[in-house]
Amino acid sequence: MVVVWSATTGLAAMTLALAHCRGWLDYEAPVCRYWLEFAQHGKERITVRQLLAHQAGLFAFDEPVDRSVIAALDRLAAVLARQKPAWEPGTRQAYHALTLGFYEGGLVLPAPKWDN
């Protein structure tokens, strides 16, 4: 047995690259073009490229997140939309290991219900 980290990273990148190739996702566009609620707390100008390049300053959750939140994608999307960048987006880089997959999901999944 071995521990496997980032097992889905390649598949997620391939999914987003396919969306880009088909014209569904523009790397230079702000994330909020695809996810309106994302544009909170200074995130309105974060581009898809900055998010995917780990330059958005969103590498950790800044409020408690447990299994019940992770299991309810609409609740998780609301938490992610409320996040505040840890630095001016685009000026630094840190591996968004805990959050990137969830943000990628926010880019490509149908819009969640925002009523909670």
PDB file of N, CA and C in Angstrom:
ATOM      1  N   MET A   1       0.826  -1.179   0.000  1.00  0.00           N
ATOM      2  CA  MET A   1       0.000   0.000   0.000  1.00  0.00           C
ATOM      3  C   MET A   1       0.875   1.249   0.000  1.00  0.00           C
ATOM      4  N   VAL A   2       0.348   2.273  -0.649  1.00  0.00           N
ATOM      5  CA  VAL A   2       1.034   3.560  -0.679  1.00  0.00           C
ATOM      6  C   VAL A   2       0.015   4.672  -0.486  1.00  0.00           C
ATOM      7  N   VAL A   3       0.490   5.788  -0.026  1.00  0.00           N
ATOM      8  CA  VAL A   3      -0.352   6.973   0.084  1.00  0.00           C
ATOM      9  C   VAL A   3      -0.293   7.701  -1.254  1.00  0.00           C
ATOM     10  N   VAL A   4      -1.424   8.109  -1.749  1.00  0.00           N
ATOM     11  CA  VAL A   4      -1.486   8.821  -3.024  1.00  0.00           C
ATOM     12  C   VAL A   4      -2.051  10.218  -2.767  1.00  0.00           C
ATOM     13  N   TRP A   5      -1.277  11.211  -3.129  1.00  0.00           N
ATOM     14  CA  TRP A   5      -1.695  12.600  -2.995  1.00  0.00           C
ATOM     15  C   TRP A   5      -1.998  13.173  -4.369  1.00  0.00           C
ATOM     16  N   SER A   6      -2.931  14.077  -4.423  1.00  0.00           N
ATOM     17  CA  SER A   6      -3.271  14.790  -5.666  1.00  0.00           C
ATOM     18  C   SER A   6      -3.605  13.827  -6.805  1.00  0.00           C
ATOM     19  N   ALA A   7      -4.294  12.762  -6.489  1.00  0.00           N
ATOM     20  CA  ALA A   7      -4.615  11.749  -7.493  1.00  0.00           C
ATOM     21  C   ALA A   7      -5.528  12.279  -8.587  1.00  0.00           C
ATOM     22  N   THR A   8      -6.358  13.232  -8.276  1.00  0.00           N
ATOM     23  CA  THR A   8      -7.289  13.749  -9.281  1.00  0.00           C
ATOM     24  C   THR A   8      -6.824  15.060  -9.916  1.00  0.00           C
ATOM     25  N   THR A   9      -5.667  15.544  -9.538  1.00  0.00           N
ATOM     26  CA  THR A   9      -5.185  16.825 -10.060  1.00  0.00           C
ATOM     27  C   THR A   9      -5.077  16.800 -11.582  1.00  0.00           C
ATOM     28  N   GLY A  10      -4.505  15.762 -12.123  1.00  0.00           N
ATOM     29  CA  GLY A  10      -4.352  15.657 -13.579  1.00  0.00           C
ATOM     30  C   GLY A  10      -5.688  15.607 -14.298  1.00  0.00           C
ATOM     31  N   LEU A  11      -6.629  14.862 -13.750  1.00  0.00           N
ATOM     32  CA  LEU A  11      -7.957  14.777 -14.365  1.00  0.00           C
ATOM     33  C   LEU A  11      -8.693  16.117 -14.295  1.00  0.00           C
ATOM     34  N   ALA A  12      -8.557  16.808 -13.177  1.00  0.00           N
ATOM     35  CA  ALA A  12      -9.189  18.117 -13.055  1.00  0.00           C
ATOM     36  C   ALA A  12      -8.574  19.094 -14.065  1.00  0.00           C
ATOM     37  N   ALA A  13      -7.258  19.088 -14.186  1.00  0.00           N
ATOM     38  CA  ALA A  13      -6.587  19.968 -15.149  1.00  0.00           C
ATOM     39  C   ALA A  13      -7.018  19.637 -16.573  1.00  0.00           C
ATOM     40  N   MET A  14      -7.134  18.349 -16.874  1.00  0.00           N
ATOM     41  CA  MET A  14      -7.566  17.940 -18.208  1.00  0.00           C
ATOM     42  C   MET A  14      -9.003  18.388 -18.478  1.00  0.00           C
ATOM     43  N   THR A  15      -9.866  18.284 -17.484  1.00  0.00           N
ATOM     44  CA  THR A  15     -11.254  18.719 -17.640  1.00  0.00           C
ATOM     45  C   THR A  15     -11.326  20.211 -17.935  1.00  0.00           C
ATOM     46  N   LEU A  16     -10.561  20.998 -17.193  1.00  0.00           N
ATOM     47  CA  LEU A  16     -10.570  22.442 -17.417  1.00  0.00           C
ATOM     48  C   LEU A  16      -9.924  22.804 -18.753  1.00  0.00           C
ATOM     49  N   ALA A  17      -8.887  22.083 -19.143  1.00  0.00           N
ATOM     50  CA  ALA A  17      -8.258  22.330 -20.443  1.00  0.00           C
ATOM     51  C   ALA A  17      -9.229  22.006 -21.580  1.00  0.00           C
ATOM     52  N   LEU A  18      -9.999  20.945 -21.425  1.00  0.00           N
ATOM     53  CA  LEU A  18     -10.998  20.597 -22.432  1.00  0.00           C
ATOM     54  C   LEU A  18     -12.073  21.681 -22.510  1.00  0.00           C
ATOM     55  N   ALA A  19     -12.519  22.167 -21.343  1.00  0.00           N
ATOM     56  CA  ALA A  19     -13.501  23.256 -21.328  1.00  0.00           C
ATOM     57  C   ALA A  19     -12.933  24.493 -22.021  1.00  0.00           C
ATOM     58  N   HIS A  20     -11.653  24.760 -21.805  1.00  0.00           N
ATOM     59  CA  HIS A  20     -11.000  25.901 -22.464  1.00  0.00           C
ATOM     60  C   HIS A  20     -10.955  25.693 -23.981  1.00  0.00           C
ATOM     61  N   CYS A  21     -10.531  24.506 -24.406  1.00  0.00           N
ATOM     62  CA  CYS A  21     -10.423  24.213 -25.841  1.00  0.00           C
ATOM     63  C   CYS A  21     -11.770  24.318 -26.550  1.00  0.00           C
ATOM     64  N   ARG A  22     -12.827  23.997 -25.847  1.00  0.00           N
ATOM     65  CA  ARG A  22     -14.166  24.066 -26.438  1.00  0.00           C
ATOM     66  C   ARG A  22     -14.792  25.456 -26.328  1.00  0.00           C
ATOM     67  N   GLY A  23     -14.049  26.398 -25.763  1.00  0.00           N
ATOM     68  CA  GLY A  23     -14.534  27.763 -25.665  1.00  0.00           C
ATOM     69  C   GLY A  23     -15.477  28.012 -24.497  1.00  0.00           C
ATOM     70  N   TRP A  24     -15.557  27.085 -23.571  1.00  0.00           N
ATOM     71  CA  TRP A  24     -16.444  27.224 -22.420  1.00  0.00           C
ATOM     72  C   TRP A  24     -15.771  27.957 -21.272  1.00  0.00           C
ATOM     73  N   LEU A  25     -14.452  28.056 -21.305  1.00  0.00           N
ATOM     74  CA  LEU A  25     -13.692  28.633 -20.203  1.00  0.00           C
ATOM     75  C   LEU A  25     -12.521  29.418 -20.775  1.00  0.00           C
ATOM     76  N   ASP A  26     -12.403  30.660 -20.382  1.00  0.00           N
ATOM     77  CA  ASP A  26     -11.309  31.522 -20.830  1.00  0.00           C
ATOM     78  C   ASP A  26     -10.366  31.728 -19.650  1.00  0.00           C
ATOM     79  N   TYR A  27      -9.122  31.335 -19.796  1.00  0.00           N
ATOM     80  CA  TYR A  27      -8.153  31.457 -18.707  1.00  0.00           C
ATOM     81  C   TYR A  27      -7.935  32.897 -18.263  1.00  0.00           C
ATOM     82  N   GLU A  28      -8.107  33.851 -19.178  1.00  0.00           N
ATOM     83  CA  GLU A  28      -7.872  35.256 -18.849  1.00  0.00           C
ATOM     84  C   GLU A  28      -9.111  35.949 -18.270  1.00  0.00           C
ATOM     85  N   ALA A  29     -10.233  35.287 -18.286  1.00  0.00           N
ATOM     86  CA  ALA A  29     -11.472  35.872 -17.761  1.00  0.00           C
ATOM     87  C   ALA A  29     -11.487  35.809 -16.239  1.00  0.00           C
ATOM     88  N   PRO A  30     -12.189  36.745 -15.616  1.00  0.00           N
ATOM     89  CA  PRO A  30     -12.336  36.644 -14.166  1.00  0.00           C
ATOM     90  C   PRO A  30     -13.197  35.434 -13.814  1.00  0.00           C
ATOM     91  N   VAL A  31     -12.875  34.811 -12.700  1.00  0.00           N
ATOM     92  CA  VAL A  31     -13.633  33.645 -12.232  1.00  0.00           C
ATOM     93  C   VAL A  31     -15.113  33.996 -12.121  1.00  0.00           C
ATOM     94  N   CYS A  32     -15.425  35.224 -11.706  1.00  0.00           N
ATOM     95  CA  CYS A  32     -16.819  35.608 -11.494  1.00  0.00           C
ATOM     96  C   CYS A  32     -17.633  35.648 -12.790  1.00  0.00           C
ATOM     97  N   ARG A  33     -16.998  35.556 -13.951  1.00  0.00           N
ATOM     98  CA  ARG A  33     -17.762  35.424 -15.198  1.00  0.00           C
ATOM     99  C   ARG A  33     -18.539  34.106 -15.183  1.00  0.00           C
ATOM    100  N   TYR A  34     -17.970  33.088 -14.564  1.00  0.00           N
ATOM    101  CA  TYR A  34     -18.579  31.766 -14.526  1.00  0.00           C
ATOM    102  C   TYR A  34     -19.273  31.472 -13.193  1.00  0.00           C
ATOM    103  N   TRP A  35     -18.896  32.224 -12.166  1.00  0.00           N
ATOM    104  CA  TRP A  35     -19.393  31.988 -10.816  1.00  0.00           C
ATOM    105  C   TRP A  35     -19.594  33.362 -10.176  1.00  0.00           C
ATOM    106  N   LEU A  36     -20.766  33.929 -10.371  1.00  0.00           N
ATOM    107  CA  LEU A  36     -21.036  35.307  -9.962  1.00  0.00           C
ATOM    108  C   LEU A  36     -20.758  35.568  -8.490  1.00  0.00           C
ATOM    109  N   GLU A  37     -21.145  34.655  -7.618  1.00  0.00           N
ATOM    110  CA  GLU A  37     -20.993  34.848  -6.181  1.00  0.00           C
ATOM    111  C   GLU A  37     -19.535  34.847  -5.723  1.00  0.00           C
ATOM    112  N   PHE A  38     -18.640  34.412  -6.557  1.00  0.00           N
ATOM    113  CA  PHE A  38     -17.214  34.401  -6.244  1.00  0.00           C
ATOM    114  C   PHE A  38     -16.687  35.814  -6.015  1.00  0.00           C
ATOM    115  N   ALA A  39     -17.299  36.800  -6.629  1.00  0.00           N
ATOM    116  CA  ALA A  39     -16.804  38.188  -6.622  1.00  0.00           C
ATOM    117  C   ALA A  39     -17.093  38.890  -5.299  1.00  0.00           C
ATOM    118  N   GLN A  40     -16.557  38.369  -4.226  1.00  0.00           N
ATOM    119  CA  GLN A  40     -16.705  38.965  -2.901  1.00  0.00           C
ATOM    120  C   GLN A  40     -15.318  39.157  -2.291  1.00  0.00           C
ATOM    121  N   HIS A  41     -15.183  40.136  -1.418  1.00  0.00           N
ATOM    122  CA  HIS A  41     -13.977  40.322  -0.605  1.00  0.00           C
ATOM    123  C   HIS A  41     -12.702  40.455  -1.432  1.00  0.00           C
ATOM    124  N   GLY A  42     -12.753  41.237  -2.500  1.00  0.00           N
ATOM    125  CA  GLY A  42     -11.558  41.493  -3.295  1.00  0.00           C
ATOM    126  C   GLY A  42     -11.223  40.427  -4.322  1.00  0.00           C
ATOM    127  N   LYS A  43     -12.151  39.528  -4.605  1.00  0.00           N
ATOM    128  CA  LYS A  43     -11.879  38.457  -5.563  1.00  0.00           C
ATOM    129  C   LYS A  43     -12.443  38.741  -6.948  1.00  0.00           C
ATOM    130  N   GLU A  44     -13.060  39.892  -7.150  1.00  0.00           N
ATOM    131  CA  GLU A  44     -13.737  40.148  -8.418  1.00  0.00           C
ATOM    132  C   GLU A  44     -12.806  40.176  -9.632  1.00  0.00           C
ATOM    133  N   ARG A  45     -11.519  40.430  -9.432  1.00  0.00           N
ATOM    134  CA  ARG A  45     -10.591  40.484 -10.575  1.00  0.00           C
ATOM    135  C   ARG A  45      -9.693  39.249 -10.684  1.00  0.00           C
ATOM    136  N   ILE A  46      -9.875  38.273  -9.825  1.00  0.00           N
ATOM    137  CA  ILE A  46      -9.060  37.052  -9.925  1.00  0.00           C
ATOM    138  C   ILE A  46      -9.425  36.330 -11.209  1.00  0.00           C
ATOM    139  N   THR A  47      -8.412  36.064 -12.022  1.00  0.00           N
ATOM    140  CA  THR A  47      -8.658  35.359 -13.283  1.00  0.00           C
ATOM    141  C   THR A  47      -8.619  33.847 -13.065  1.00  0.00           C
ATOM    142  N   VAL A  48      -9.186  33.156 -14.015  1.00  0.00           N
ATOM    143  CA  VAL A  48      -9.137  31.689 -13.989  1.00  0.00           C
ATOM    144  C   VAL A  48      -7.680  31.245 -13.955  1.00  0.00           C
ATOM    145  N   ARG A  49      -6.830  31.882 -14.748  1.00  0.00           N
ATOM    146  CA  ARG A  49      -5.407  31.526 -14.776  1.00  0.00           C
ATOM    147  C   ARG A  49      -4.757  31.696 -13.399  1.00  0.00           C
ATOM    148  N   GLN A  50      -5.026  32.798 -12.723  1.00  0.00           N
ATOM    149  CA  GLN A  50      -4.453  33.019 -11.388  1.00  0.00           C
ATOM    150  C   GLN A  50      -4.924  31.946 -10.406  1.00  0.00           C
ATOM    151  N   LEU A  51      -6.204  31.607 -10.476  1.00  0.00           N
ATOM    152  CA  LEU A  51      -6.727  30.576  -9.587  1.00  0.00           C
ATOM    153  C   LEU A  51      -6.045  29.237  -9.857  1.00  0.00           C
ATOM    154  N   LEU A  52      -5.957  28.851 -11.113  1.00  0.00           N
ATOM    155  CA  LEU A  52      -5.364  27.558 -11.461  1.00  0.00           C
ATOM    156  C   LEU A  52      -3.856  27.529 -11.228  1.00  0.00           C
ATOM    157  N   ALA A  53      -3.213  28.690 -11.217  1.00  0.00           N
ATOM    158  CA  ALA A  53      -1.772  28.776 -10.986  1.00  0.00           C
ATOM    159  C   ALA A  53      -1.429  28.973  -9.505  1.00  0.00           C
ATOM    160  N   HIS A  54      -2.427  28.810  -8.634  1.00  0.00           N
ATOM    161  CA  HIS A  54      -2.214  28.911  -7.180  1.00  0.00           C
ATOM    162  C   HIS A  54      -1.758  30.309  -6.767  1.00  0.00           C
ATOM    163  N   GLN A  55      -2.242  31.333  -7.469  1.00  0.00           N
ATOM    164  CA  GLN A  55      -1.864  32.709  -7.188  1.00  0.00           C
ATOM    165  C   GLN A  55      -3.011  33.549  -6.629  1.00  0.00           C
ATOM    166  N   ALA A  56      -4.118  32.902  -6.266  1.00  0.00           N
ATOM    167  CA  ALA A  56      -5.307  33.637  -5.840  1.00  0.00           C
ATOM    168  C   ALA A  56      -5.315  33.966  -4.351  1.00  0.00           C
ATOM    169  N   GLY A  57      -4.427  33.368  -3.581  1.00  0.00           N
ATOM    170  CA  GLY A  57      -4.416  33.605  -2.137  1.00  0.00           C
ATOM    171  C   GLY A  57      -5.536  32.886  -1.413  1.00  0.00           C
ATOM    172  N   LEU A  58      -6.032  31.822  -1.998  1.00  0.00           N
ATOM    173  CA  LEU A  58      -7.162  31.078  -1.443  1.00  0.00           C
ATOM    174  C   LEU A  58      -6.755  29.647  -1.115  1.00  0.00           C
ATOM    175  N   PHE A  59      -5.629  29.488  -0.452  1.00  0.00           N
ATOM    176  CA  PHE A  59      -5.042  28.173  -0.229  1.00  0.00           C
ATOM    177  C   PHE A  59      -5.616  27.419   0.964  1.00  0.00           C
ATOM    178  N   ALA A  60      -6.428  28.077   1.784  1.00  0.00           N
ATOM    179  CA  ALA A  60      -7.008  27.431   2.965  1.00  0.00           C
ATOM    180  C   ALA A  60      -8.401  28.000   3.205  1.00  0.00           C
ATOM    181  N   PHE A  61      -9.166  27.323   4.018  1.00  0.00           N
ATOM    182  CA  PHE A  61     -10.487  27.825   4.396  1.00  0.00           C
ATOM    183  C   PHE A  61     -10.309  28.812   5.541  1.00  0.00           C
ATOM    184  N   ASP A  62     -11.024  29.933   5.496  1.00  0.00           N
ATOM    185  CA  ASP A  62     -10.921  30.888   6.593  1.00  0.00           C
ATOM    186  C   ASP A  62     -12.142  30.845   7.516  1.00  0.00           C
ATOM    187  N   GLU A  63     -12.941  29.793   7.381  1.00  0.00           N
ATOM    188  CA  GLU A  63     -14.015  29.518   8.335  1.00  0.00           C
ATOM    189  C   GLU A  63     -14.120  28.002   8.479  1.00  0.00           C
ATOM    190  N   PRO A  64     -14.677  27.527   9.573  1.00  0.00           N
ATOM    191  CA  PRO A  64     -14.738  26.081   9.797  1.00  0.00           C
ATOM    192  C   PRO A  64     -15.521  25.349   8.700  1.00  0.00           C
ATOM    193  N   VAL A  65     -14.943  24.266   8.239  1.00  0.00           N
ATOM    194  CA  VAL A  65     -15.575  23.422   7.224  1.00  0.00           C
ATOM    195  C   VAL A  65     -15.450  21.984   7.706  1.00  0.00           C
ATOM    196  N   ASP A  66     -16.580  21.321   7.830  1.00  0.00           N
ATOM    197  CA  ASP A  66     -16.551  19.919   8.244  1.00  0.00           C
ATOM    198  C   ASP A  66     -17.162  19.046   7.146  1.00  0.00           C
ATOM    199  N   ARG A  67     -17.309  17.760   7.442  1.00  0.00           N
ATOM    200  CA  ARG A  67     -17.832  16.829   6.446  1.00  0.00           C
ATOM    201  C   ARG A  67     -19.198  17.221   5.918  1.00  0.00           C
ATOM    202  N   SER A  68     -20.041  17.766   6.787  1.00  0.00           N
ATOM    203  CA  SER A  68     -21.390  18.119   6.338  1.00  0.00           C
ATOM    204  C   SER A  68     -21.360  19.239   5.298  1.00  0.00           C
ATOM    205  N   VAL A  69     -20.425  20.152   5.423  1.00  0.00           N
ATOM    206  CA  VAL A  69     -20.290  21.232   4.441  1.00  0.00           C
ATOM    207  C   VAL A  69     -19.695  20.696   3.141  1.00  0.00           C
ATOM    208  N   ILE A  70     -18.664  19.877   3.244  1.00  0.00           N
ATOM    209  CA  ILE A  70     -18.029  19.304   2.057  1.00  0.00           C
ATOM    210  C   ILE A  70     -19.033  18.460   1.267  1.00  0.00           C
ATOM    211  N   ALA A  71     -19.911  17.774   1.965  1.00  0.00           N
ATOM    212  CA  ALA A  71     -20.891  16.895   1.314  1.00  0.00           C
ATOM    213  C   ALA A  71     -22.025  17.658   0.645  1.00  0.00           C
ATOM    214  N   ALA A  72     -22.242  18.899   1.016  1.00  0.00           N
ATOM    215  CA  ALA A  72     -23.313  19.716   0.436  1.00  0.00           C
ATOM    216  C   ALA A  72     -22.671  20.779  -0.442  1.00  0.00           C
ATOM    217  N   LEU A  73     -22.560  20.494  -1.731  1.00  0.00           N
ATOM    218  CA  LEU A  73     -21.817  21.381  -2.619  1.00  0.00           C
ATOM    219  C   LEU A  73     -22.351  22.799  -2.652  1.00  0.00           C
ATOM    220  N   ASP A  74     -23.645  22.992  -2.465  1.00  0.00           N
ATOM    221  CA  ASP A  74     -24.168  24.361  -2.451  1.00  0.00           C
ATOM    222  C   ASP A  74     -23.682  25.110  -1.218  1.00  0.00           C
ATOM    223  N   ARG A  75     -23.630  24.443  -0.074  1.00  0.00           N
ATOM    224  CA  ARG A  75     -23.103  25.081   1.145  1.00  0.00           C
ATOM    225  C   ARG A  75     -21.612  25.352   1.005  1.00  0.00           C
ATOM    226  N   LEU A  76     -20.884  24.399   0.447  1.00  0.00           N
ATOM    227  CA  LEU A  76     -19.452  24.578   0.248  1.00  0.00           C
ATOM    228  C   LEU A  76     -19.174  25.734  -0.715  1.00  0.00           C
ATOM    229  N   ALA A  77     -19.943  25.828  -1.780  1.00  0.00           N
ATOM    230  CA  ALA A  77     -19.754  26.916  -2.745  1.00  0.00           C
ATOM    231  C   ALA A  77     -19.971  28.272  -2.079  1.00  0.00           C
ATOM    232  N   ALA A  78     -20.931  28.357  -1.173  1.00  0.00           N
ATOM    233  CA  ALA A  78     -21.170  29.613  -0.458  1.00  0.00           C
ATOM    234  C   ALA A  78     -19.990  29.966   0.439  1.00  0.00           C
ATOM    235  N   VAL A  79     -19.418  28.960   1.106  1.00  0.00           N
ATOM    236  CA  VAL A  79     -18.233  29.186   1.941  1.00  0.00           C
ATOM    237  C   VAL A  79     -17.076  29.669   1.072  1.00  0.00           C
ATOM    238  N   LEU A  80     -16.847  29.010  -0.051  1.00  0.00           N
ATOM    239  CA  LEU A  80     -15.753  29.394  -0.941  1.00  0.00           C
ATOM    240  C   LEU A  80     -15.942  30.802  -1.492  1.00  0.00           C
ATOM    241  N   ALA A  81     -17.173  31.152  -1.811  1.00  0.00           N
ATOM    242  CA  ALA A  81     -17.439  32.493  -2.342  1.00  0.00           C
ATOM    243  C   ALA A  81     -17.157  33.566  -1.301  1.00  0.00           C
ATOM    244  N   ARG A  82     -17.320  33.256  -0.025  1.00  0.00           N
ATOM    245  CA  ARG A  82     -17.071  34.224   1.054  1.00  0.00           C
ATOM    246  C   ARG A  82     -15.593  34.346   1.432  1.00  0.00           C
ATOM    247  N   GLN A  83     -14.754  33.455   0.948  1.00  0.00           N
ATOM    248  CA  GLN A  83     -13.338  33.465   1.308  1.00  0.00           C
ATOM    249  C   GLN A  83     -12.696  34.809   0.975  1.00  0.00           C
ATOM    250  N   LYS A  84     -11.735  35.170   1.789  1.00  0.00           N
ATOM    251  CA  LYS A  84     -10.936  36.371   1.546  1.00  0.00           C
ATOM    252  C   LYS A  84      -9.524  35.941   1.149  1.00  0.00           C
ATOM    253  N   PRO A  85      -8.974  36.506   0.092  1.00  0.00           N
ATOM    254  CA  PRO A  85      -7.609  36.159  -0.293  1.00  0.00           C
ATOM    255  C   PRO A  85      -6.609  36.513   0.808  1.00  0.00           C
ATOM    256  N   ALA A  86      -5.611  35.674   0.991  1.00  0.00           N
ATOM    257  CA  ALA A  86      -4.576  35.902   2.007  1.00  0.00           C
ATOM    258  C   ALA A  86      -3.581  36.967   1.551  1.00  0.00           C
ATOM    259  N   TRP A  87      -3.554  37.285   0.277  1.00  0.00           N
ATOM    260  CA  TRP A  87      -2.677  38.323  -0.271  1.00  0.00           C
ATOM    261  C   TRP A  87      -3.331  38.881  -1.528  1.00  0.00           C
ATOM    262  N   GLU A  88      -2.769  39.923  -2.061  1.00  0.00           N
ATOM    263  CA  GLU A  88      -3.257  40.511  -3.313  1.00  0.00           C
ATOM    264  C   GLU A  88      -3.121  39.454  -4.412  1.00  0.00           C
ATOM    265  N   PRO A  89      -4.238  39.016  -4.987  1.00  0.00           N
ATOM    266  CA  PRO A  89      -4.177  37.977  -6.014  1.00  0.00           C
ATOM    267  C   PRO A  89      -3.221  38.337  -7.146  1.00  0.00           C
ATOM    268  N   GLY A  90      -2.442  37.360  -7.541  1.00  0.00           N
ATOM    269  CA  GLY A  90      -1.484  37.538  -8.623  1.00  0.00           C
ATOM    270  C   GLY A  90      -0.107  37.979  -8.190  1.00  0.00           C
ATOM    271  N   THR A  91       0.075  38.308  -6.905  1.00  0.00           N
ATOM    272  CA  THR A  91       1.371  38.810  -6.443  1.00  0.00           C
ATOM    273  C   THR A  91       2.233  37.742  -5.782  1.00  0.00           C
ATOM    274  N   ARG A  92       1.625  36.648  -5.365  1.00  0.00           N
ATOM    275  CA  ARG A  92       2.356  35.551  -4.697  1.00  0.00           C
ATOM    276  C   ARG A  92       1.772  34.230  -5.148  1.00  0.00           C
ATOM    277  N   GLN A  93       2.439  33.180  -4.733  1.00  0.00           N
ATOM    278  CA  GLN A  93       1.975  31.846  -5.088  1.00  0.00           C
ATOM    279  C   GLN A  93       2.132  30.926  -3.891  1.00  0.00           C
ATOM    280  N   ALA A  94       1.136  30.093  -3.649  1.00  0.00           N
ATOM    281  CA  ALA A  94       1.195  29.051  -2.618  1.00  0.00           C
ATOM    282  C   ALA A  94       0.262  27.931  -3.064  1.00  0.00           C
ATOM    283  N   TYR A  95       0.706  26.733  -2.910  1.00  0.00           N
ATOM    284  CA  TYR A  95      -0.061  25.571  -3.348  1.00  0.00           C
ATOM    285  C   TYR A  95      -1.428  25.538  -2.671  1.00  0.00           C
ATOM    286  N   HIS A  96      -2.483  25.582  -3.448  1.00  0.00           N
ATOM    287  CA  HIS A  96      -3.859  25.581  -2.949  1.00  0.00           C
ATOM    288  C   HIS A  96      -4.332  24.129  -2.806  1.00  0.00           C
ATOM    289  N   ALA A  97      -3.590  23.347  -2.075  1.00  0.00           N
ATOM    290  CA  ALA A  97      -3.835  21.899  -1.971  1.00  0.00           C
ATOM    291  C   ALA A  97      -5.205  21.569  -1.398  1.00  0.00           C
ATOM    292  N   LEU A  98      -5.653  22.314  -0.414  1.00  0.00           N
ATOM    293  CA  LEU A  98      -6.924  22.002   0.253  1.00  0.00           C
ATOM    294  C   LEU A  98      -8.136  22.519  -0.502  1.00  0.00           C
ATOM    295  N   THR A  99      -7.963  23.535  -1.313  1.00  0.00           N
ATOM    296  CA  THR A  99      -9.119  24.229  -1.871  1.00  0.00           C
ATOM    297  C   THR A  99      -9.248  24.179  -3.390  1.00  0.00           C
ATOM    298  N   LEU A 100      -8.166  23.952  -4.111  1.00  0.00           N
ATOM    299  CA  LEU A 100      -8.203  24.115  -5.566  1.00  0.00           C
ATOM    300  C   LEU A 100      -9.264  23.246  -6.226  1.00  0.00           C
ATOM    301  N   GLY A 101      -9.365  22.005  -5.844  1.00  0.00           N
ATOM    302  CA  GLY A 101     -10.358  21.124  -6.458  1.00  0.00           C
ATOM    303  C   GLY A 101     -11.770  21.640  -6.276  1.00  0.00           C
ATOM    304  N   PHE A 102     -12.045  22.200  -5.117  1.00  0.00           N
ATOM    305  CA  PHE A 102     -13.374  22.752  -4.865  1.00  0.00           C
ATOM    306  C   PHE A 102     -13.622  23.999  -5.718  1.00  0.00           C
ATOM    307  N   TYR A 103     -12.605  24.839  -5.858  1.00  0.00           N
ATOM    308  CA  TYR A 103     -12.745  26.012  -6.724  1.00  0.00           C
ATOM    309  C   TYR A 103     -12.898  25.597  -8.186  1.00  0.00           C
ATOM    310  N   GLU A 104     -12.163  24.597  -8.610  1.00  0.00           N
ATOM    311  CA  GLU A 104     -12.308  24.103  -9.980  1.00  0.00           C
ATOM    312  C   GLU A 104     -13.732  23.599 -10.211  1.00  0.00           C
ATOM    313  N   GLY A 105     -14.275  22.916  -9.217  1.00  0.00           N
ATOM    314  CA  GLY A 105     -15.661  22.467  -9.318  1.00  0.00           C
ATOM    315  C   GLY A 105     -16.619  23.634  -9.472  1.00  0.00           C
ATOM    316  N   GLY A 106     -16.340  24.714  -8.763  1.00  0.00           N
ATOM    317  CA  GLY A 106     -17.174  25.903  -8.880  1.00  0.00           C
ATOM    318  C   GLY A 106     -17.156  26.507 -10.277  1.00  0.00           C
ATOM    319  N   LEU A 107     -16.063  26.293 -10.992  1.00  0.00           N
ATOM    320  CA  LEU A 107     -15.952  26.805 -12.360  1.00  0.00           C
ATOM    321  C   LEU A 107     -16.750  25.975 -13.360  1.00  0.00           C
ATOM    322  N   VAL A 108     -16.848  24.682 -13.151  1.00  0.00           N
ATOM    323  CA  VAL A 108     -17.431  23.814 -14.183  1.00  0.00           C
ATOM    324  C   VAL A 108     -18.749  23.159 -13.811  1.00  0.00           C
ATOM    325  N   LEU A 109     -19.090  23.118 -12.541  1.00  0.00           N
ATOM    326  CA  LEU A 109     -20.357  22.502 -12.153  1.00  0.00           C
ATOM    327  C   LEU A 109     -21.498  23.479 -12.345  1.00  0.00           C
ATOM    328  N   PRO A 110     -22.717  22.969 -12.491  1.00  0.00           N
ATOM    329  CA  PRO A 110     -23.868  23.881 -12.597  1.00  0.00           C
ATOM    330  C   PRO A 110     -23.930  24.792 -11.374  1.00  0.00           C
ATOM    331  N   ALA A 111     -24.479  25.965 -11.557  1.00  0.00           N
ATOM    332  CA  ALA A 111     -24.578  26.934 -10.463  1.00  0.00           C
ATOM    333  C   ALA A 111     -25.352  26.320  -9.296  1.00  0.00           C
ATOM    334  N   PRO A 112     -24.799  26.416  -8.102  1.00  0.00           N
ATOM    335  CA  PRO A 112     -25.490  25.872  -6.934  1.00  0.00           C
ATOM    336  C   PRO A 112     -26.656  26.752  -6.513  1.00  0.00           C
ATOM    337  N   LYS A 113     -27.494  26.207  -5.656  1.00  0.00           N
ATOM    338  CA  LYS A 113     -28.574  27.000  -5.071  1.00  0.00           C
ATOM    339  C   LYS A 113     -27.969  27.901  -4.011  1.00  0.00           C
ATOM    340  N   TRP A 114     -28.248  29.171  -4.046  1.00  0.00           N
ATOM    341  CA  TRP A 114     -27.653  30.119  -3.116  1.00  0.00           C
ATOM    342  C   TRP A 114     -28.659  30.566  -2.056  1.00  0.00           C
ATOM    343  N   ASP A 115     -29.552  29.669  -1.650  1.00  0.00           N
ATOM    344  CA  ASP A 115     -30.602  30.056  -0.718  1.00  0.00           C
ATOM    345  C   ASP A 115     -30.347  29.663   0.715  1.00  0.00           C
ATOM    346  N   ASN A 116     -29.132  29.315   1.085  1.00  0.00           N
ATOM    347  CA  ASN A 116     -28.887  28.917   2.482  1.00  0.00           C
ATOM    348  C   ASN A 116     -27.949  29.839   3.177  1.00  0.00           C
TER     349      ASN A 116
END
